[in-house]
Amino acid sequence: MNEVAYRRKSEPEGRTATLKELLHPDVVKKLAAQADAIKAEAARRKEEERRRAEEARAAERKRLENDFGHLLKNSNLDWKKFK
């Protein structure tokens, strides 16, 4: 009796075998490790992109703080508050 026929007889009616049950355990482990590696790489890229965006915002903020025209446009002209 082959393995597939044995599995079919031992399974309850109406239930089909999953891919995990059909694949060799070593293959399942390799696929899980590969999925974990892909997720870790995606998280690393996302963190790197977030860090670069934060650096770009900080550089733009610093540039605008040194731009007199920008400071003049965005300053509060109500000098009575500062007396």
PDB file of N, CA and C in Angstrom:
ATOM      1  N   MET A   1       0.864  -1.182   0.000  1.00  0.00           N
ATOM      2  CA  MET A   1       0.000   0.000   0.000  1.00  0.00           C
ATOM      3  C   MET A   1       0.906   1.239   0.000  1.00  0.00           C
ATOM      4  N   ASN A   2       0.639   2.161  -0.912  1.00  0.00           N
ATOM      5  CA  ASN A   2       1.498   3.349  -0.958  1.00  0.00           C
ATOM      6  C   ASN A   2       1.079   4.376   0.090  1.00  0.00           C
ATOM      7  N   GLU A   3       1.954   5.373   0.294  1.00  0.00           N
ATOM      8  CA  GLU A   3       1.763   6.344   1.376  1.00  0.00           C
ATOM      9  C   GLU A   3       0.516   7.207   1.165  1.00  0.00           C
ATOM     10  N   VAL A   4       0.234   7.625  -0.089  1.00  0.00           N
ATOM     11  CA  VAL A   4      -0.922   8.476  -0.359  1.00  0.00           C
ATOM     12  C   VAL A   4      -2.217   7.726  -0.061  1.00  0.00           C
ATOM     13  N   ALA A   5      -2.297   6.489  -0.478  1.00  0.00           N
ATOM     14  CA  ALA A   5      -3.494   5.695  -0.202  1.00  0.00           C
ATOM     15  C   ALA A   5      -3.661   5.504   1.304  1.00  0.00           C
ATOM     16  N   TYR A   6      -2.573   5.314   2.019  1.00  0.00           N
ATOM     17  CA  TYR A   6      -2.643   5.157   3.463  1.00  0.00           C
ATOM     18  C   TYR A   6      -3.176   6.440   4.097  1.00  0.00           C
ATOM     19  N   ARG A   7      -2.675   7.592   3.660  1.00  0.00           N
ATOM     20  CA  ARG A   7      -3.145   8.860   4.213  1.00  0.00           C
ATOM     21  C   ARG A   7      -4.635   9.062   3.938  1.00  0.00           C
ATOM     22  N   ARG A   8      -5.052   8.687   2.760  1.00  0.00           N
ATOM     23  CA  ARG A   8      -6.467   8.877   2.408  1.00  0.00           C
ATOM     24  C   ARG A   8      -7.370   8.015   3.280  1.00  0.00           C
ATOM     25  N   LYS A   9      -6.943   6.817   3.579  1.00  0.00           N
ATOM     26  CA  LYS A   9      -7.766   5.937   4.395  1.00  0.00           C
ATOM     27  C   LYS A   9      -7.804   6.404   5.844  1.00  0.00           C
ATOM     28  N   SER A  10      -6.690   6.985   6.333  1.00  0.00           N
ATOM     29  CA  SER A  10      -6.637   7.384   7.737  1.00  0.00           C
ATOM     30  C   SER A  10      -7.304   8.741   7.976  1.00  0.00           C
ATOM     31  N   GLU A  11      -7.541   9.519   6.931  1.00  0.00           N
ATOM     32  CA  GLU A  11      -8.166  10.831   7.083  1.00  0.00           C
ATOM     33  C   GLU A  11      -9.683  10.692   7.130  1.00  0.00           C
ATOM     34  N   PRO A  12     -10.324  11.525   7.922  1.00  0.00           N
ATOM     35  CA  PRO A  12     -11.787  11.484   7.951  1.00  0.00           C
ATOM     36  C   PRO A  12     -12.357  11.960   6.610  1.00  0.00           C
ATOM     37  N   GLU A  13     -13.541  11.539   6.311  1.00  0.00           N
ATOM     38  CA  GLU A  13     -14.212  11.895   5.064  1.00  0.00           C
ATOM     39  C   GLU A  13     -14.411  13.410   4.976  1.00  0.00           C
ATOM     40  N   GLY A  14     -14.155  13.999   3.834  1.00  0.00           N
ATOM     41  CA  GLY A  14     -14.395  15.423   3.613  1.00  0.00           C
ATOM     42  C   GLY A  14     -13.188  16.295   3.947  1.00  0.00           C
ATOM     43  N   ARG A  15     -12.151  15.749   4.526  1.00  0.00           N
ATOM     44  CA  ARG A  15     -10.964  16.539   4.872  1.00  0.00           C
ATOM     45  C   ARG A  15      -9.875  16.218   3.867  1.00  0.00           C
ATOM     46  N   THR A  16      -9.251  17.264   3.348  1.00  0.00           N
ATOM     47  CA  THR A  16      -8.158  17.051   2.405  1.00  0.00           C
ATOM     48  C   THR A  16      -6.837  17.372   3.093  1.00  0.00           C
ATOM     49  N   ALA A  17      -5.781  16.803   2.592  1.00  0.00           N
ATOM     50  CA  ALA A  17      -4.452  17.016   3.156  1.00  0.00           C
ATOM     51  C   ALA A  17      -3.963  18.411   2.788  1.00  0.00           C
ATOM     52  N   THR A  18      -3.282  19.049   3.721  1.00  0.00           N
ATOM     53  CA  THR A  18      -2.720  20.367   3.456  1.00  0.00           C
ATOM     54  C   THR A  18      -1.358  20.204   2.796  1.00  0.00           C
ATOM     55  N   LEU A  19      -0.863  21.281   2.239  1.00  0.00           N
ATOM     56  CA  LEU A  19       0.439  21.244   1.590  1.00  0.00           C
ATOM     57  C   LEU A  19       1.528  20.912   2.605  1.00  0.00           C
ATOM     58  N   LYS A  20       1.398  21.435   3.806  1.00  0.00           N
ATOM     59  CA  LYS A  20       2.378  21.169   4.859  1.00  0.00           C
ATOM     60  C   LYS A  20       2.439  19.675   5.179  1.00  0.00           C
ATOM     61  N   GLU A  21       1.296  19.021   5.152  1.00  0.00           N
ATOM     62  CA  GLU A  21       1.258  17.587   5.428  1.00  0.00           C
ATOM     63  C   GLU A  21       1.853  16.779   4.279  1.00  0.00           C
ATOM     64  N   LEU A  22       1.748  17.293   3.064  1.00  0.00           N
ATOM     65  CA  LEU A  22       2.241  16.557   1.899  1.00  0.00           C
ATOM     66  C   LEU A  22       3.736  16.744   1.674  1.00  0.00           C
ATOM     67  N   LEU A  23       4.296  17.887   2.081  1.00  0.00           N
ATOM     68  CA  LEU A  23       5.715  18.152   1.851  1.00  0.00           C
ATOM     69  C   LEU A  23       6.579  17.494   2.920  1.00  0.00           C
ATOM     70  N   HIS A  24       7.808  17.256   2.543  1.00  0.00           N
ATOM     71  CA  HIS A  24       8.789  16.699   3.471  1.00  0.00           C
ATOM     72  C   HIS A  24       9.106  17.745   4.543  1.00  0.00           C
ATOM     73  N   PRO A  25       9.281  17.352   5.795  1.00  0.00           N
ATOM     74  CA  PRO A  25       9.533  18.331   6.874  1.00  0.00           C
ATOM     75  C   PRO A  25      10.752  19.225   6.639  1.00  0.00           C
ATOM     76  N   ASP A  26      11.796  18.687   5.986  1.00  0.00           N
ATOM     77  CA  ASP A  26      12.975  19.518   5.689  1.00  0.00           C
ATOM     78  C   ASP A  26      12.622  20.642   4.725  1.00  0.00           C
ATOM     79  N   VAL A  27      11.782  20.347   3.750  1.00  0.00           N
ATOM     80  CA  VAL A  27      11.364  21.362   2.783  1.00  0.00           C
ATOM     81  C   VAL A  27      10.523  22.432   3.478  1.00  0.00           C
ATOM     82  N   VAL A  28       9.671  22.010   4.385  1.00  0.00           N
ATOM     83  CA  VAL A  28       8.837  22.953   5.135  1.00  0.00           C
ATOM     84  C   VAL A  28       9.726  23.871   5.979  1.00  0.00           C
ATOM     85  N   LYS A  29      10.749  23.300   6.618  1.00  0.00           N
ATOM     86  CA  LYS A  29      11.671  24.107   7.427  1.00  0.00           C
ATOM     87  C   LYS A  29      12.428  25.115   6.568  1.00  0.00           C
ATOM     88  N   LYS A  30      12.883  24.684   5.394  1.00  0.00           N
ATOM     89  CA  LYS A  30      13.607  25.589   4.492  1.00  0.00           C
ATOM     90  C   LYS A  30      12.698  26.728   4.031  1.00  0.00           C
ATOM     91  N   LEU A  31      11.462  26.399   3.707  1.00  0.00           N
ATOM     92  CA  LEU A  31      10.520  27.433   3.267  1.00  0.00           C
ATOM     93  C   LEU A  31      10.211  28.412   4.396  1.00  0.00           C
ATOM     94  N   ALA A  32      10.063  27.909   5.607  1.00  0.00           N
ATOM     95  CA  ALA A  32       9.808  28.780   6.756  1.00  0.00           C
ATOM     96  C   ALA A  32      11.004  29.693   7.016  1.00  0.00           C
ATOM     97  N   ALA A  33      12.216  29.153   6.908  1.00  0.00           N
ATOM     98  CA  ALA A  33      13.422  29.959   7.109  1.00  0.00           C
ATOM     99  C   ALA A  33      13.533  31.032   6.029  1.00  0.00           C
ATOM    100  N   GLN A  34      13.200  30.667   4.804  1.00  0.00           N
ATOM    101  CA  GLN A  34      13.246  31.633   3.702  1.00  0.00           C
ATOM    102  C   GLN A  34      12.204  32.729   3.908  1.00  0.00           C
ATOM    103  N   ALA A  35      11.028  32.376   4.376  1.00  0.00           N
ATOM    104  CA  ALA A  35       9.982  33.371   4.645  1.00  0.00           C
ATOM    105  C   ALA A  35      10.417  34.316   5.762  1.00  0.00           C
ATOM    106  N   ASP A  36      11.048  33.770   6.797  1.00  0.00           N
ATOM    107  CA  ASP A  36      11.544  34.608   7.891  1.00  0.00           C
ATOM    108  C   ASP A  36      12.622  35.566   7.398  1.00  0.00           C
ATOM    109  N   ALA A  37      13.503  35.073   6.534  1.00  0.00           N
ATOM    110  CA  ALA A  37      14.568  35.921   5.994  1.00  0.00           C
ATOM    111  C   ALA A  37      13.984  37.052   5.144  1.00  0.00           C
ATOM    112  N   ILE A  38      12.968  36.753   4.366  1.00  0.00           N
ATOM    113  CA  ILE A  38      12.333  37.768   3.529  1.00  0.00           C
ATOM    114  C   ILE A  38      11.648  38.815   4.402  1.00  0.00           C
ATOM    115  N   LYS A  39      10.967  38.370   5.453  1.00  0.00           N
ATOM    116  CA  LYS A  39      10.299  39.309   6.365  1.00  0.00           C
ATOM    117  C   LYS A  39      11.324  40.196   7.068  1.00  0.00           C
ATOM    118  N   ALA A  40      12.447  39.620   7.490  1.00  0.00           N
ATOM    119  CA  ALA A  40      13.490  40.398   8.166  1.00  0.00           C
ATOM    120  C   ALA A  40      14.084  41.432   7.211  1.00  0.00           C
ATOM    121  N   GLU A  41      14.311  41.059   5.974  1.00  0.00           N
ATOM    122  CA  GLU A  41      14.850  41.989   4.971  1.00  0.00           C
ATOM    123  C   GLU A  41      13.870  43.124   4.703  1.00  0.00           C
ATOM    124  N   ALA A  42      12.592  42.803   4.615  1.00  0.00           N
ATOM    125  CA  ALA A  42      11.578  43.838   4.391  1.00  0.00           C
ATOM    126  C   ALA A  42      11.522  44.801   5.579  1.00  0.00           C
ATOM    127  N   ALA A  43      11.616  44.280   6.788  1.00  0.00           N
ATOM    128  CA  ALA A  43      11.607  45.136   7.973  1.00  0.00           C
ATOM    129  C   ALA A  43      12.846  46.023   8.008  1.00  0.00           C
ATOM    130  N   ARG A  44      13.995  45.478   7.618  1.00  0.00           N
ATOM    131  CA  ARG A  44      15.230  46.254   7.583  1.00  0.00           C
ATOM    132  C   ARG A  44      15.138  47.385   6.559  1.00  0.00           C
ATOM    133  N   ARG A  45      14.592  47.061   5.376  1.00  0.00           N
ATOM    134  CA  ARG A  45      14.431  48.096   4.342  1.00  0.00           C
ATOM    135  C   ARG A  45      13.460  49.176   4.789  1.00  0.00           C
ATOM    136  N   LYS A  46      12.378  48.783   5.447  1.00  0.00           N
ATOM    137  CA  LYS A  46      11.394  49.756   5.926  1.00  0.00           C
ATOM    138  C   LYS A  46      12.014  50.683   6.971  1.00  0.00           C
ATOM    139  N   GLU A  47      12.790  50.111   7.887  1.00  0.00           N
ATOM    140  CA  GLU A  47      13.460  50.915   8.916  1.00  0.00           C
ATOM    141  C   GLU A  47      14.489  51.860   8.284  1.00  0.00           C
ATOM    142  N   GLU A  48      15.219  51.376   7.299  1.00  0.00           N
ATOM    143  CA  GLU A  48      16.206  52.220   6.596  1.00  0.00           C
ATOM    144  C   GLU A  48      15.505  53.379   5.881  1.00  0.00           C
ATOM    145  N   GLU A  49      14.383  53.096   5.234  1.00  0.00           N
ATOM    146  CA  GLU A  49      13.620  54.143   4.541  1.00  0.00           C
ATOM    147  C   GLU A  49      13.076  55.168   5.540  1.00  0.00           C
ATOM    148  N   ARG A  50      12.597  54.697   6.688  1.00  0.00           N
ATOM    149  CA  ARG A  50      12.100  55.607   7.722  1.00  0.00           C
ATOM    150  C   ARG A  50      13.220  56.506   8.245  1.00  0.00           C
ATOM    151  N   ARG A  51      14.403  55.918   8.445  1.00  0.00           N
ATOM    152  CA  ARG A  51      15.549  56.682   8.930  1.00  0.00           C
ATOM    153  C   ARG A  51      15.978  57.735   7.915  1.00  0.00           C
ATOM    154  N   ARG A  52      16.008  57.365   6.645  1.00  0.00           N
ATOM    155  CA  ARG A  52      16.377  58.327   5.593  1.00  0.00           C
ATOM    156  C   ARG A  52      15.371  59.467   5.496  1.00  0.00           C
ATOM    157  N   ALA A  53      14.096  59.141   5.619  1.00  0.00           N
ATOM    158  CA  ALA A  53      13.057  60.175   5.557  1.00  0.00           C
ATOM    159  C   ALA A  53      13.199  61.135   6.735  1.00  0.00           C
ATOM    160  N   GLU A  54      13.491  60.597   7.919  1.00  0.00           N
ATOM    161  CA  GLU A  54      13.680  61.443   9.099  1.00  0.00           C
ATOM    162  C   GLU A  54      14.893  62.353   8.926  1.00  0.00           C
ATOM    163  N   GLU A  55      15.970  61.820   8.376  1.00  0.00           N
ATOM    164  CA  GLU A  55      17.162  62.637   8.121  1.00  0.00           C
ATOM    165  C   GLU A  55      16.860  63.735   7.109  1.00  0.00           C
ATOM    166  N   ALA A  56      16.079  63.415   6.080  1.00  0.00           N
ATOM    167  CA  ALA A  56      15.728  64.413   5.065  1.00  0.00           C
ATOM    168  C   ALA A  56      14.867  65.513   5.680  1.00  0.00           C
ATOM    169  N   ARG A  57      13.905  65.136   6.544  1.00  0.00           N
ATOM    170  CA  ARG A  57      13.076  66.149   7.213  1.00  0.00           C
ATOM    171  C   ARG A  57      13.920  67.043   8.114  1.00  0.00           C
ATOM    172  N   ALA A  58      14.859  66.456   8.826  1.00  0.00           N
ATOM    173  CA  ALA A  58      15.724  67.240   9.714  1.00  0.00           C
ATOM    174  C   ALA A  58      16.596  68.197   8.913  1.00  0.00           C
ATOM    175  N   ALA A  59      17.136  67.738   7.785  1.00  0.00           N
ATOM    176  CA  ALA A  59      17.970  68.597   6.943  1.00  0.00           C
ATOM    177  C   ALA A  59      17.139  69.748   6.363  1.00  0.00           C
ATOM    178  N   GLU A  60      15.910  69.464   5.934  1.00  0.00           N
ATOM    179  CA  GLU A  60      15.041  70.516   5.386  1.00  0.00           C
ATOM    180  C   GLU A  60      14.675  71.519   6.472  1.00  0.00           C
ATOM    181  N   ARG A  61      14.372  71.031   7.670  1.00  0.00           N
ATOM    182  CA  ARG A  61      14.043  71.924   8.774  1.00  0.00           C
ATOM    183  C   ARG A  61      15.234  72.831   9.107  1.00  0.00           C
ATOM    184  N   LYS A  62      16.437  72.274   9.112  1.00  0.00           N
ATOM    185  CA  LYS A  62      17.632  73.058   9.404  1.00  0.00           C
ATOM    186  C   LYS A  62      17.870  74.099   8.306  1.00  0.00           C
ATOM    187  N   ARG A  63      17.654  73.710   7.054  1.00  0.00           N
ATOM    188  CA  ARG A  63      17.837  74.640   5.944  1.00  0.00           C
ATOM    189  C   ARG A  63      16.847  75.807   6.059  1.00  0.00           C
ATOM    190  N   LEU A  64      15.590  75.498   6.406  1.00  0.00           N
ATOM    191  CA  LEU A  64      14.584  76.553   6.517  1.00  0.00           C
ATOM    192  C   LEU A  64      14.846  77.462   7.720  1.00  0.00           C
ATOM    193  N   GLU A  65      15.436  76.930   8.783  1.00  0.00           N
ATOM    194  CA  GLU A  65      15.765  77.764   9.943  1.00  0.00           C
ATOM    195  C   GLU A  65      16.840  78.794   9.606  1.00  0.00           C
ATOM    196  N   ASN A  66      17.655  78.499   8.611  1.00  0.00           N
ATOM    197  CA  ASN A  66      18.714  79.421   8.205  1.00  0.00           C
ATOM    198  C   ASN A  66      18.286  80.323   7.048  1.00  0.00           C
ATOM    199  N   ASP A  67      17.092  80.153   6.538  1.00  0.00           N
ATOM    200  CA  ASP A  67      16.588  80.961   5.427  1.00  0.00           C
ATOM    201  C   ASP A  67      15.797  82.147   5.984  1.00  0.00           C
ATOM    202  N   PHE A  68      16.370  83.344   5.867  1.00  0.00           N
ATOM    203  CA  PHE A  68      15.749  84.535   6.453  1.00  0.00           C
ATOM    204  C   PHE A  68      14.390  84.834   5.816  1.00  0.00           C
ATOM    205  N   GLY A  69      14.242  84.657   4.532  1.00  0.00           N
ATOM    206  CA  GLY A  69      12.963  84.894   3.858  1.00  0.00           C
ATOM    207  C   GLY A  69      11.864  83.991   4.409  1.00  0.00           C
ATOM    208  N   HIS A  70      12.167  82.742   4.617  1.00  0.00           N
ATOM    209  CA  HIS A  70      11.191  81.791   5.163  1.00  0.00           C
ATOM    210  C   HIS A  70      10.805  82.185   6.593  1.00  0.00           C
ATOM    211  N   LEU A  71      11.817  82.545   7.401  1.00  0.00           N
ATOM    212  CA  LEU A  71      11.535  82.942   8.782  1.00  0.00           C
ATOM    213  C   LEU A  71      10.678  84.197   8.829  1.00  0.00           C
ATOM    214  N   LEU A  72      10.936  85.138   7.915  1.00  0.00           N
ATOM    215  CA  LEU A  72      10.175  86.377   7.886  1.00  0.00           C
ATOM    216  C   LEU A  72       8.719  86.116   7.491  1.00  0.00           C
ATOM    217  N   LYS A  73       8.499  85.227   6.512  1.00  0.00           N
ATOM    218  CA  LYS A  73       7.134  84.902   6.072  1.00  0.00           C
ATOM    219  C   LYS A  73       6.345  84.189   7.170  1.00  0.00           C
ATOM    220  N   ASN A  74       7.006  83.360   7.924  1.00  0.00           N
ATOM    221  CA  ASN A  74       6.310  82.526   8.899  1.00  0.00           C
ATOM    222  C   ASN A  74       6.393  83.056  10.323  1.00  0.00           C
ATOM    223  N   SER A  75       6.910  84.244  10.501  1.00  0.00           N
ATOM    224  CA  SER A  75       7.003  84.778  11.855  1.00  0.00           C
ATOM    225  C   SER A  75       5.693  85.450  12.244  1.00  0.00           C
ATOM    226  N   ASN A  76       5.454  85.516  13.534  1.00  0.00           N
ATOM    227  CA  ASN A  76       4.265  86.172  14.065  1.00  0.00           C
ATOM    228  C   ASN A  76       4.543  87.668  14.117  1.00  0.00           C
ATOM    229  N   LEU A  77       3.726  88.456  13.471  1.00  0.00           N
ATOM    230  CA  LEU A  77       3.966  89.887  13.385  1.00  0.00           C
ATOM    231  C   LEU A  77       3.307  90.658  14.533  1.00  0.00           C
ATOM    232  N   ASP A  78       2.734  89.981  15.478  1.00  0.00           N
ATOM    233  CA  ASP A  78       2.108  90.634  16.625  1.00  0.00           C
ATOM    234  C   ASP A  78       3.189  90.853  17.689  1.00  0.00           C
ATOM    235  N   TRP A  79       3.902  91.989  17.574  1.00  0.00           N
ATOM    236  CA  TRP A  79       5.014  92.265  18.455  1.00  0.00           C
ATOM    237  C   TRP A  79       4.569  92.694  19.856  1.00  0.00           C
ATOM    238  N   LYS A  80       3.279  92.992  20.026  1.00  0.00           N
ATOM    239  CA  LYS A  80       2.790  93.419  21.339  1.00  0.00           C
ATOM    240  C   LYS A  80       2.903  92.297  22.372  1.00  0.00           C
ATOM    241  N   LYS A  81       2.855  91.064  21.945  1.00  0.00           N
ATOM    242  CA  LYS A  81       2.983  89.940  22.857  1.00  0.00           C
ATOM    243  C   LYS A  81       4.359  89.890  23.506  1.00  0.00           C
ATOM    244  N   PHE A  82       5.356  90.414  22.856  1.00  0.00           N
ATOM    245  CA  PHE A  82       6.742  90.271  23.309  1.00  0.00           C
ATOM    246  C   PHE A  82       7.242  91.467  24.115  1.00  0.00           C
ATOM    247  N   LYS A  83       6.353  92.406  24.473  1.00  0.00           N
ATOM    248  CA  LYS A  83       6.768  93.570  25.256  1.00  0.00           C
ATOM    249  C   LYS A  83       6.989  93.210  26.691  1.00  0.00           C
TER     250      LYS A  83
END
